[in-house]
Amino acid sequence: MKNLHNEIVEKTAEVITDDLKEMTMPTAKSIGKNMGLLIDGIFGWTGTWGEIQKIKQNQYIKEFKEDLKTRLDDIDPEKIIKPKANIIGPALETAKYY
């Protein structure tokens, strides 16, 4: 008799739990969706701002490379010499700060 009673209680609890899950799931999903939209609305611009900065940086690098290539193409190859160590050393050392 105890086994039957325990089985009935377990099945009843299972049915009630399943029913509660089904009733609360749409509400929980809706709340989660709305919280996500709220957080996106408040902090979403930071991701957009970061993407814009990446695009600007890539454009700047592209323009810098093109400008550098144009300037190097204007130099007569015969006038290009290997720099002396006492010139290039301090220049490279200083460049790391910029």
C-alpha atoms as a PDB file:
ATOM      1  CA  MET A   1       0.000   0.000   0.000  1.00  0.00           C
ATOM      2  CA  LYS A   2       2.884   2.374   0.836  1.00  0.00           C
ATOM      3  CA  ASN A   3       4.465   1.761  -2.551  1.00  0.00           C
ATOM      4  CA  LEU A   4       1.227   2.621  -4.329  1.00  0.00           C
ATOM      5  CA  HIS A   5       0.796   5.727  -2.191  1.00  0.00           C
ATOM      6  CA  ASN A   6       4.405   6.850  -2.913  1.00  0.00           C
ATOM      7  CA  GLU A   7       3.954   6.200  -6.618  1.00  0.00           C
ATOM      8  CA  ILE A   8       0.746   8.272  -6.714  1.00  0.00           C
ATOM      9  CA  VAL A   9       2.466  11.157  -4.879  1.00  0.00           C
ATOM     10  CA  GLU A  10       5.478  11.006  -7.227  1.00  0.00           C
ATOM     11  CA  LYS A  11       3.302  10.964 -10.372  1.00  0.00           C
ATOM     12  CA  THR A  12       1.127  13.800  -9.057  1.00  0.00           C
ATOM     13  CA  ALA A  13       4.216  15.884  -8.269  1.00  0.00           C
ATOM     14  CA  GLU A  14       5.582  15.112 -11.731  1.00  0.00           C
ATOM     15  CA  VAL A  15       2.362  16.221 -13.444  1.00  0.00           C
ATOM     16  CA  ILE A  16       2.159  19.403 -11.355  1.00  0.00           C
ATOM     17  CA  THR A  17       5.817  20.210 -12.035  1.00  0.00           C
ATOM     18  CA  ASP A  18       5.359  19.693 -15.782  1.00  0.00           C
ATOM     19  CA  ASP A  19       2.220  21.843 -15.792  1.00  0.00           C
ATOM     20  CA  LEU A  20       3.983  24.623 -13.867  1.00  0.00           C
ATOM     21  CA  LYS A  21       6.910  24.524 -16.277  1.00  0.00           C
ATOM     22  CA  GLU A  22       4.575  24.813 -19.254  1.00  0.00           C
ATOM     23  CA  MET A  23       2.699  27.725 -17.655  1.00  0.00           C
ATOM     24  CA  THR A  24       5.796  29.695 -16.625  1.00  0.00           C
ATOM     25  CA  MET A  25       8.038  28.992 -19.616  1.00  0.00           C
ATOM     26  CA  PRO A  26       6.424  31.534 -22.024  1.00  0.00           C
ATOM     27  CA  THR A  27       6.551  34.205 -19.323  1.00  0.00           C
ATOM     28  CA  ALA A  28      10.172  33.427 -18.490  1.00  0.00           C
ATOM     29  CA  LYS A  29      11.108  33.507 -22.179  1.00  0.00           C
ATOM     30  CA  SER A  30       9.338  36.832 -22.616  1.00  0.00           C
ATOM     31  CA  ILE A  31      11.051  38.329 -19.573  1.00  0.00           C
ATOM     32  CA  GLY A  32      14.417  37.055 -20.793  1.00  0.00           C
ATOM     33  CA  LYS A  33      13.855  38.491 -24.256  1.00  0.00           C
ATOM     34  CA  ASN A  34      12.808  41.864 -22.864  1.00  0.00           C
ATOM     35  CA  MET A  35      15.796  41.975 -20.494  1.00  0.00           C
ATOM     36  CA  GLY A  36      18.062  41.226 -23.449  1.00  0.00           C
ATOM     37  CA  LEU A  37      16.504  44.040 -25.459  1.00  0.00           C
ATOM     38  CA  LEU A  38      16.851  46.418 -22.507  1.00  0.00           C
ATOM     39  CA  ILE A  39      20.519  45.579 -22.036  1.00  0.00           C
ATOM     40  CA  ASP A  40      21.110  45.906 -25.782  1.00  0.00           C
ATOM     41  CA  GLY A  41      19.393  49.284 -25.726  1.00  0.00           C
ATOM     42  CA  ILE A  42      21.524  50.529 -22.873  1.00  0.00           C
ATOM     43  CA  PHE A  43      24.889  48.990 -23.715  1.00  0.00           C
ATOM     44  CA  GLY A  44      24.467  47.984 -27.362  1.00  0.00           C
ATOM     45  CA  TRP A  45      26.002  51.215 -28.633  1.00  0.00           C
ATOM     46  CA  THR A  46      29.364  50.263 -27.103  1.00  0.00           C
ATOM     47  CA  GLY A  47      29.654  47.311 -29.469  1.00  0.00           C
ATOM     48  CA  THR A  48      28.643  49.502 -32.387  1.00  0.00           C
ATOM     49  CA  TRP A  49      31.132  52.170 -31.326  1.00  0.00           C
ATOM     50  CA  GLY A  50      33.884  49.547 -31.151  1.00  0.00           C
ATOM     51  CA  GLU A  51      33.066  48.288 -34.641  1.00  0.00           C
ATOM     52  CA  ILE A  52      33.111  51.855 -35.996  1.00  0.00           C
ATOM     53  CA  GLN A  53      36.540  52.413 -34.428  1.00  0.00           C
ATOM     54  CA  LYS A  54      37.846  49.223 -36.070  1.00  0.00           C
ATOM     55  CA  ILE A  55      36.550  50.371 -39.470  1.00  0.00           C
ATOM     56  CA  LYS A  56      38.143  53.811 -39.008  1.00  0.00           C
ATOM     57  CA  GLN A  57      41.431  52.250 -37.917  1.00  0.00           C
ATOM     58  CA  ASN A  58      41.490  49.904 -40.927  1.00  0.00           C
ATOM     59  CA  GLN A  59      40.770  52.846 -43.241  1.00  0.00           C
ATOM     60  CA  TYR A  60      43.543  54.889 -41.600  1.00  0.00           C
ATOM     61  CA  ILE A  61      46.037  52.018 -41.980  1.00  0.00           C
ATOM     62  CA  LYS A  62      45.065  51.552 -45.631  1.00  0.00           C
ATOM     63  CA  GLU A  63      45.536  55.280 -46.357  1.00  0.00           C
ATOM     64  CA  PHE A  64      48.835  55.308 -44.436  1.00  0.00           C
ATOM     65  CA  LYS A  65      50.186  52.379 -46.488  1.00  0.00           C
ATOM     66  CA  GLU A  66      49.123  54.032 -49.760  1.00  0.00           C
ATOM     67  CA  ASP A  67      50.712  57.341 -48.740  1.00  0.00           C
ATOM     68  CA  LEU A  68      53.933  55.628 -47.651  1.00  0.00           C
ATOM     69  CA  LYS A  69      54.111  53.672 -50.925  1.00  0.00           C
ATOM     70  CA  THR A  70      53.560  56.864 -52.943  1.00  0.00           C
ATOM     71  CA  ARG A  71      56.291  58.674 -51.015  1.00  0.00           C
ATOM     72  CA  LEU A  72      58.720  55.759 -51.389  1.00  0.00           C
ATOM     73  CA  ASP A  73      57.987  55.491 -55.118  1.00  0.00           C
ATOM     74  CA  ASP A  74      58.999  59.165 -55.496  1.00  0.00           C
ATOM     75  CA  ILE A  75      62.498  58.478 -54.123  1.00  0.00           C
ATOM     76  CA  ASP A  76      65.212  57.701 -56.664  1.00  0.00           C
ATOM     77  CA  PRO A  77      66.380  54.111 -55.930  1.00  0.00           C
ATOM     78  CA  GLU A  78      70.015  55.210 -56.302  1.00  0.00           C
ATOM     79  CA  LYS A  79      69.589  57.638 -53.397  1.00  0.00           C
ATOM     80  CA  ILE A  80      68.341  54.948 -51.004  1.00  0.00           C
ATOM     81  CA  ILE A  81      71.136  53.864 -48.665  1.00  0.00           C
ATOM     82  CA  LYS A  82      71.334  51.612 -45.652  1.00  0.00           C
ATOM     83  CA  PRO A  83      71.164  53.804 -42.534  1.00  0.00           C
ATOM     84  CA  LYS A  84      74.027  53.825 -40.063  1.00  0.00           C
ATOM     85  CA  ALA A  85      73.464  52.110 -36.717  1.00  0.00           C
ATOM     86  CA  ASN A  86      73.963  55.389 -34.826  1.00  0.00           C
ATOM     87  CA  ILE A  87      71.027  56.836 -36.793  1.00  0.00           C
ATOM     88  CA  ILE A  88      68.628  53.885 -36.971  1.00  0.00           C
ATOM     89  CA  GLY A  89      69.141  52.742 -33.338  1.00  0.00           C
ATOM     90  CA  PRO A  90      67.867  55.933 -31.654  1.00  0.00           C
ATOM     91  CA  ALA A  91      65.132  56.280 -34.288  1.00  0.00           C
ATOM     92  CA  LEU A  92      63.787  52.783 -33.548  1.00  0.00           C
ATOM     93  CA  GLU A  93      64.146  53.314 -29.805  1.00  0.00           C
ATOM     94  CA  THR A  94      62.142  56.547 -29.991  1.00  0.00           C
ATOM     95  CA  ALA A  95      59.542  55.031 -32.342  1.00  0.00           C
ATOM     96  CA  LYS A  96      58.414  52.538 -29.711  1.00  0.00           C
ATOM     97  CA  TYR A  97      56.932  55.428 -27.708  1.00  0.00           C
ATOM     98  CA  TYR A  98      54.759  56.625 -30.599  1.00  0.00           C
END
